[in-house]
N, C-alpha and C. Protein backbone atom coordinates (compact mmCIF):
# COMPACT_ATOMS: atom_id res chain seq x y z
N UNK A 1 93.74 112.81 108.12
CA UNK A 1 94.83 112.48 109.16
C UNK A 1 94.33 113.20 110.38
N UNK A 2 93.69 114.41 110.36
CA UNK A 2 93.29 115.10 111.48
C UNK A 2 92.38 114.22 112.41
N UNK A 3 91.51 113.47 111.72
CA UNK A 3 90.61 112.58 112.51
C UNK A 3 91.40 111.56 113.34
N UNK A 4 92.51 111.04 112.72
CA UNK A 4 93.26 110.07 113.43
C UNK A 4 93.76 110.74 114.77
N UNK A 5 94.26 111.88 114.64
CA UNK A 5 94.82 112.51 116.02
C UNK A 5 93.68 112.89 116.95
N UNK A 6 92.51 113.27 116.38
CA UNK A 6 91.41 113.53 117.24
C UNK A 6 91.07 112.32 118.00
N UNK A 7 90.95 111.17 117.34
CA UNK A 7 90.67 109.89 117.89
C UNK A 7 91.55 109.51 119.08
N UNK A 8 92.79 109.95 118.88
CA UNK A 8 93.77 109.56 119.98
C UNK A 8 93.97 110.80 121.02
N UNK A 9 93.05 111.72 120.90
CA UNK A 9 93.05 112.77 121.90
C UNK A 9 94.17 113.73 121.76
N UNK A 10 94.75 113.73 120.59
CA UNK A 10 96.01 114.67 120.37
C UNK A 10 95.36 115.87 119.50
N UNK A 11 94.74 116.74 120.07
CA UNK A 11 94.00 117.84 119.42
C UNK A 11 95.01 118.88 118.76
N UNK A 12 96.11 119.00 119.34
CA UNK A 12 97.18 119.82 118.76
C UNK A 12 97.66 119.34 117.39
N UNK A 13 97.97 118.05 117.38
CA UNK A 13 98.34 117.44 116.14
C UNK A 13 97.16 117.51 115.03
N UNK A 14 95.89 117.25 115.54
CA UNK A 14 94.70 117.36 114.71
C UNK A 14 94.56 118.84 114.03
N UNK A 15 94.83 119.84 115.02
CA UNK A 15 94.63 121.31 114.54
C UNK A 15 95.70 121.49 113.51
N UNK A 16 97.05 121.01 113.69
CA UNK A 16 98.10 121.29 112.74
C UNK A 16 97.75 120.69 111.47
N UNK A 17 97.12 119.50 111.42
CA UNK A 17 96.80 118.77 110.17
C UNK A 17 95.68 119.55 109.42
N UNK A 18 94.66 119.85 110.28
CA UNK A 18 93.44 120.66 109.65
C UNK A 18 94.04 121.92 108.91
N UNK A 19 94.89 122.74 109.62
CA UNK A 19 95.40 123.91 109.03
C UNK A 19 96.32 123.63 107.83
N UNK A 20 96.97 122.53 107.96
CA UNK A 20 97.86 122.12 106.80
C UNK A 20 96.95 121.79 105.59
N UNK A 21 95.90 121.02 105.83
CA UNK A 21 94.88 120.67 104.73
C UNK A 21 94.40 121.89 104.09
N UNK A 22 93.97 122.91 104.85
CA UNK A 22 93.52 124.16 104.33
C UNK A 22 94.56 124.84 103.46
N UNK A 23 95.81 124.89 103.86
CA UNK A 23 96.89 125.40 103.22
C UNK A 23 97.09 124.84 101.79
N UNK A 24 96.98 123.46 101.80
CA UNK A 24 97.20 122.73 100.66
C UNK A 24 96.02 122.95 99.70
N UNK A 25 94.81 123.18 100.22
CA UNK A 25 93.67 123.54 99.20
C UNK A 25 94.04 124.77 98.56
N UNK A 26 94.58 125.78 99.37
CA UNK A 26 94.85 127.15 98.82
C UNK A 26 95.89 126.93 97.67
N UNK A 27 96.80 126.13 97.95
CA UNK A 27 97.93 125.88 96.95
C UNK A 27 97.31 125.23 95.58
N UNK A 28 96.43 124.32 95.79
CA UNK A 28 95.73 123.77 94.69
C UNK A 28 94.91 124.72 93.95
N UNK A 29 94.27 125.62 94.57
CA UNK A 29 93.42 126.73 93.81
C UNK A 29 94.39 127.58 93.23
N UNK A 30 95.59 127.83 93.75
CA UNK A 30 96.47 128.76 93.03
C UNK A 30 96.90 128.16 91.72
N UNK A 31 97.16 126.84 91.60
CA UNK A 31 97.40 126.16 90.40
C UNK A 31 96.16 126.27 89.41
N UNK A 32 95.09 125.89 90.06
CA UNK A 32 93.88 125.89 89.28
C UNK A 32 93.63 127.39 88.59
N UNK A 33 93.66 128.36 89.40
CA UNK A 33 93.46 129.77 88.83
C UNK A 33 94.56 130.11 87.80
N UNK A 34 95.80 129.64 88.08
CA UNK A 34 96.79 130.03 86.95
C UNK A 34 96.46 129.25 85.75
N UNK A 35 96.10 128.01 85.75
CA UNK A 35 95.78 127.23 84.50
C UNK A 35 94.62 128.01 83.73
N UNK A 36 93.54 128.25 84.53
CA UNK A 36 92.38 128.98 83.93
C UNK A 36 92.75 130.32 83.19
N UNK A 37 93.59 131.13 84.09
CA UNK A 37 94.09 132.39 83.59
C UNK A 37 94.91 132.34 82.29
N UNK A 38 95.60 131.14 82.13
CA UNK A 38 96.38 131.04 80.85
C UNK A 38 95.51 130.33 79.84
N UNK A 39 94.21 130.20 79.96
CA UNK A 39 93.37 129.72 78.99
C UNK A 39 93.17 128.23 78.89
N UNK A 40 93.65 127.55 79.94
CA UNK A 40 93.68 126.13 80.06
C UNK A 40 92.28 125.69 80.70
N UNK A 41 92.11 124.45 80.61
CA UNK A 41 90.92 123.82 81.25
C UNK A 41 91.33 122.79 82.25
N UNK A 42 90.80 123.05 83.47
CA UNK A 42 91.10 122.08 84.60
C UNK A 42 90.10 120.94 84.61
N UNK A 43 90.53 119.72 84.57
CA UNK A 43 89.59 118.60 84.71
C UNK A 43 90.06 117.85 86.01
N UNK A 44 89.20 117.83 86.93
CA UNK A 44 89.53 117.14 88.21
C UNK A 44 89.06 115.68 88.14
N UNK A 45 89.85 114.79 88.61
CA UNK A 45 89.52 113.44 88.61
C UNK A 45 89.58 112.85 90.05
N UNK A 46 89.25 111.52 90.20
CA UNK A 46 89.36 110.96 91.56
C UNK A 46 90.82 110.77 91.85
N UNK A 47 90.99 110.64 93.11
CA UNK A 47 92.31 110.37 93.66
C UNK A 47 92.27 109.07 94.55
N UNK A 48 93.38 108.53 94.84
CA UNK A 48 93.28 107.39 95.73
C UNK A 48 93.09 107.92 97.15
N UNK A 49 92.28 107.14 97.77
CA UNK A 49 91.95 107.51 99.19
C UNK A 49 93.19 107.46 100.06
N UNK A 50 93.38 108.48 100.90
CA UNK A 50 94.57 108.56 101.57
C UNK A 50 94.57 107.56 102.88
N UNK A 51 95.66 107.17 103.32
CA UNK A 51 95.82 106.47 104.60
C UNK A 51 95.13 107.16 105.62
N UNK A 52 94.48 106.34 106.58
CA UNK A 52 93.73 107.13 107.77
C UNK A 52 94.19 106.51 109.03
N UNK A 53 94.97 105.43 109.08
CA UNK A 53 95.37 104.86 110.39
C UNK A 53 96.85 104.71 110.33
N UNK A 54 97.48 105.00 111.54
CA UNK A 54 98.87 104.87 111.73
C UNK A 54 98.98 104.18 113.24
N UNK A 55 100.18 103.68 113.44
CA UNK A 55 100.51 102.98 114.78
C UNK A 55 100.81 104.11 115.83
N UNK A 56 101.24 105.21 115.34
CA UNK A 56 101.78 106.23 116.25
C UNK A 56 101.93 107.65 115.58
N UNK A 57 102.10 108.69 116.31
CA UNK A 57 102.39 109.94 115.74
C UNK A 57 103.68 109.92 114.83
N UNK A 58 104.60 109.06 115.25
CA UNK A 58 105.92 109.00 114.55
C UNK A 58 105.63 108.42 113.17
N UNK A 59 104.81 107.42 113.15
CA UNK A 59 104.46 106.77 111.77
C UNK A 59 103.80 107.72 110.96
N UNK A 60 102.84 108.44 111.57
CA UNK A 60 102.00 109.46 110.82
C UNK A 60 102.97 110.53 110.12
N UNK A 61 103.91 111.03 111.12
CA UNK A 61 104.72 112.14 110.44
C UNK A 61 105.83 111.63 109.58
N UNK A 62 106.15 110.37 109.64
CA UNK A 62 107.09 109.81 108.64
C UNK A 62 106.31 109.81 107.29
N UNK A 63 105.06 109.53 107.29
CA UNK A 63 104.26 109.53 106.07
C UNK A 63 104.16 110.95 105.56
N UNK A 64 103.86 111.97 106.44
CA UNK A 64 103.76 113.28 106.05
C UNK A 64 105.00 113.67 105.41
N UNK A 65 106.20 113.50 106.00
CA UNK A 65 107.48 113.94 105.52
C UNK A 65 107.69 113.28 104.06
N UNK A 66 107.55 111.99 103.93
CA UNK A 66 107.67 111.17 102.72
C UNK A 66 106.74 111.82 101.59
N UNK A 67 105.51 112.17 102.02
CA UNK A 67 104.55 112.75 101.11
C UNK A 67 105.08 114.10 100.56
N UNK A 68 105.56 114.90 101.53
CA UNK A 68 106.10 116.32 101.12
C UNK A 68 107.28 116.12 100.17
N UNK A 69 108.10 115.17 100.46
CA UNK A 69 109.26 114.93 99.46
C UNK A 69 108.75 114.40 98.09
N UNK A 70 107.66 113.68 98.09
CA UNK A 70 107.07 113.19 96.85
C UNK A 70 106.56 114.41 96.08
N UNK A 71 105.76 115.35 96.82
CA UNK A 71 105.17 116.51 96.15
C UNK A 71 106.36 117.31 95.52
N UNK A 72 107.46 117.51 96.22
CA UNK A 72 108.53 118.30 95.74
C UNK A 72 108.95 117.60 94.48
N UNK A 73 109.17 116.40 94.35
CA UNK A 73 109.69 115.84 93.10
C UNK A 73 108.63 116.05 91.97
N UNK A 74 107.35 116.11 92.27
CA UNK A 74 106.37 116.33 91.28
C UNK A 74 106.44 117.67 90.74
N UNK A 75 106.74 118.66 91.71
CA UNK A 75 106.79 120.02 91.20
C UNK A 75 108.02 120.22 90.51
N UNK A 76 109.18 119.68 90.90
CA UNK A 76 110.41 119.68 90.02
C UNK A 76 110.18 119.13 88.74
N UNK A 77 109.36 118.12 88.59
CA UNK A 77 109.16 117.59 87.22
C UNK A 77 108.33 118.51 86.38
N UNK A 78 107.35 119.21 87.02
CA UNK A 78 106.61 120.25 86.33
C UNK A 78 107.58 121.39 85.82
N UNK A 79 108.45 121.73 86.78
CA UNK A 79 109.45 122.87 86.39
C UNK A 79 110.38 122.35 85.29
N UNK A 80 110.77 121.19 85.31
CA UNK A 80 111.53 120.63 84.19
C UNK A 80 110.88 120.72 82.78
N UNK A 81 109.58 120.27 82.88
CA UNK A 81 108.76 120.34 81.64
C UNK A 81 108.53 121.74 81.16
N UNK A 82 108.25 122.68 82.03
CA UNK A 82 108.13 124.01 81.59
C UNK A 82 109.38 124.55 81.05
N UNK A 83 110.50 124.20 81.55
CA UNK A 83 111.73 124.71 81.04
C UNK A 83 111.98 124.06 79.64
N UNK A 84 111.79 122.83 79.52
CA UNK A 84 111.86 122.19 78.14
C UNK A 84 110.91 122.72 77.14
N UNK A 85 109.81 123.09 77.53
CA UNK A 85 108.80 123.69 76.65
C UNK A 85 108.98 125.24 76.36
N UNK A 86 109.96 125.77 77.14
CA UNK A 86 110.13 127.15 77.05
C UNK A 86 108.96 127.87 77.50
N UNK A 87 108.31 127.41 78.41
CA UNK A 87 107.05 128.07 78.98
C UNK A 87 107.58 128.87 80.17
N UNK A 88 108.21 129.94 80.03
CA UNK A 88 108.87 130.73 81.04
C UNK A 88 107.88 131.30 82.10
N UNK A 89 106.62 131.54 81.69
CA UNK A 89 105.66 132.10 82.71
C UNK A 89 105.41 130.96 83.71
N UNK A 90 105.20 129.84 83.21
CA UNK A 90 104.90 128.66 84.09
C UNK A 90 106.07 128.41 85.03
N UNK A 91 107.31 128.39 84.35
CA UNK A 91 108.45 128.17 85.16
C UNK A 91 108.58 129.08 86.30
N UNK A 92 108.43 130.36 86.03
CA UNK A 92 108.52 131.35 87.10
C UNK A 92 107.40 131.23 88.15
N UNK A 93 106.04 130.85 87.68
CA UNK A 93 105.02 130.64 88.62
C UNK A 93 105.39 129.36 89.51
N UNK A 94 105.94 128.42 89.01
CA UNK A 94 106.45 127.20 89.68
C UNK A 94 107.53 127.47 90.74
N UNK A 95 108.28 128.62 90.64
CA UNK A 95 109.27 128.97 91.66
C UNK A 95 108.73 129.22 92.95
N UNK A 96 107.45 129.76 93.04
CA UNK A 96 106.80 129.99 94.18
C UNK A 96 106.47 128.70 94.97
N UNK A 97 106.04 127.61 94.20
CA UNK A 97 105.83 126.33 94.78
C UNK A 97 107.09 125.66 95.12
N UNK A 98 108.14 125.82 94.39
CA UNK A 98 109.45 125.21 94.78
C UNK A 98 109.83 125.79 96.12
N UNK A 99 109.86 127.10 96.28
CA UNK A 99 110.17 127.76 97.49
C UNK A 99 109.28 127.35 98.69
N UNK A 100 107.96 127.16 98.42
CA UNK A 100 107.06 126.65 99.34
C UNK A 100 107.39 125.32 99.83
N UNK A 101 107.83 124.42 98.94
CA UNK A 101 108.09 123.11 99.37
C UNK A 101 109.23 122.97 100.23
N UNK A 102 110.23 123.85 100.08
CA UNK A 102 111.32 123.99 101.00
C UNK A 102 110.85 124.07 102.44
N UNK A 103 109.85 125.08 102.59
CA UNK A 103 109.28 125.29 103.86
C UNK A 103 108.41 124.05 104.33
N UNK A 104 107.64 123.44 103.51
CA UNK A 104 106.94 122.31 103.84
C UNK A 104 107.66 121.14 104.32
N UNK A 105 108.81 120.83 103.49
CA UNK A 105 109.66 119.74 103.91
C UNK A 105 110.30 120.17 105.35
N UNK A 106 110.72 121.32 105.43
CA UNK A 106 111.43 121.81 106.68
C UNK A 106 110.50 121.55 107.85
N UNK A 107 109.22 121.98 107.80
CA UNK A 107 108.28 121.93 108.79
C UNK A 107 108.07 120.36 109.17
N UNK A 108 107.69 119.64 108.14
CA UNK A 108 107.48 118.17 108.34
C UNK A 108 108.65 117.46 109.08
N UNK A 109 109.89 117.86 108.58
CA UNK A 109 111.10 117.23 109.08
C UNK A 109 111.30 117.65 110.56
N UNK A 110 110.99 118.95 110.96
CA UNK A 110 111.22 119.42 112.28
C UNK A 110 110.21 118.70 113.21
N UNK A 111 108.99 118.57 112.81
CA UNK A 111 108.05 117.92 113.72
C UNK A 111 108.50 116.40 113.86
N UNK A 112 108.91 115.79 112.67
CA UNK A 112 109.30 114.40 112.84
C UNK A 112 110.50 114.22 113.77
N UNK A 113 111.51 115.24 113.72
CA UNK A 113 112.60 115.14 114.56
C UNK A 113 112.23 115.39 116.02
N UNK A 114 111.30 116.24 116.31
CA UNK A 114 110.85 116.42 117.69
C UNK A 114 110.13 115.19 118.19
N UNK A 115 109.29 114.47 117.32
CA UNK A 115 108.61 113.31 117.78
C UNK A 115 109.70 112.18 118.09
N UNK A 116 110.73 112.13 117.31
CA UNK A 116 111.78 111.07 117.50
C UNK A 116 112.47 111.42 118.75
N UNK A 117 112.67 112.65 119.12
CA UNK A 117 113.35 112.95 120.38
C UNK A 117 112.57 112.50 121.58
N UNK A 118 111.15 112.69 121.56
CA UNK A 118 110.42 112.30 122.78
C UNK A 118 110.19 110.81 122.82
N UNK A 119 110.37 110.08 121.70
CA UNK A 119 110.20 108.64 121.56
C UNK A 119 108.81 108.32 121.99
N UNK A 120 108.77 107.35 122.99
CA UNK A 120 107.52 106.93 123.46
C UNK A 120 107.03 107.53 124.68
N UNK A 121 107.51 108.71 125.10
CA UNK A 121 107.21 109.46 126.23
C UNK A 121 105.85 110.12 126.05
N UNK A 122 104.88 109.52 126.73
CA UNK A 122 103.46 110.16 126.72
C UNK A 122 103.48 111.60 127.07
N UNK A 123 104.30 112.03 128.10
CA UNK A 123 104.44 113.44 128.50
C UNK A 123 105.02 114.22 127.38
N UNK A 124 106.02 113.71 126.72
CA UNK A 124 106.63 114.40 125.62
C UNK A 124 105.76 114.63 124.53
N UNK A 125 104.99 113.60 124.17
CA UNK A 125 104.02 113.79 123.05
C UNK A 125 102.99 114.78 123.36
N UNK A 126 102.48 114.74 124.68
CA UNK A 126 101.42 115.69 125.06
C UNK A 126 101.89 117.03 125.05
N UNK A 127 103.14 117.26 125.51
CA UNK A 127 103.72 118.62 125.53
C UNK A 127 103.88 119.20 124.09
N UNK A 128 104.39 118.33 123.10
CA UNK A 128 104.45 118.68 121.74
C UNK A 128 103.15 118.93 121.21
N UNK A 129 102.09 118.19 121.49
CA UNK A 129 100.77 118.34 121.12
C UNK A 129 100.26 119.77 121.38
N UNK A 130 100.56 120.17 122.58
CA UNK A 130 100.24 121.54 122.94
C UNK A 130 100.89 122.71 122.13
N UNK A 131 102.16 122.42 121.80
CA UNK A 131 102.92 123.36 120.99
C UNK A 131 102.25 123.43 119.57
N UNK A 132 101.95 122.19 118.98
CA UNK A 132 101.33 122.10 117.61
C UNK A 132 99.95 122.83 117.67
N UNK A 133 99.29 122.69 118.70
CA UNK A 133 98.03 123.31 118.86
C UNK A 133 97.94 124.75 118.74
N UNK A 134 99.03 125.49 118.88
CA UNK A 134 99.11 126.88 118.90
C UNK A 134 99.36 127.44 117.41
N UNK A 135 99.48 126.48 116.49
CA UNK A 135 99.66 126.88 115.13
C UNK A 135 98.47 127.69 114.65
N UNK A 136 98.77 128.82 114.04
CA UNK A 136 97.65 129.74 113.50
C UNK A 136 97.17 130.65 114.56
N UNK A 137 97.61 130.57 115.87
CA UNK A 137 97.18 131.55 116.78
C UNK A 137 98.39 132.52 117.07
N UNK A 138 99.59 132.29 116.45
CA UNK A 138 100.64 133.08 116.79
C UNK A 138 100.71 134.38 115.87
């Protein structure tokens, strides 16, 4: 997704996406290490290629927000299974991810709402691009 924003000269949006992708990799590794630590075996498989083109930043962030909601539902399902299996250690570990998803959804929703406020204003999008470009430097 960062490449999409770079191709539209929205480098702040691209930076936000790149940092988000790095954060998500760290989350995946947290799960990976937990499984290995518990004696499990991680088998990685192919995933569906993600969408790479959108009509606008609004469309892109609607997809981001929907994806975060989907991830939240998957984590909730894992927590339900852990509870049913009485795997209390996994249930507790998943609490971190549940809390993290509250933040992830809030961030995506906030960006989406800001984009909706500026609508088709090129100046508004460019100003918000500058704000998003500061992520990681604060």
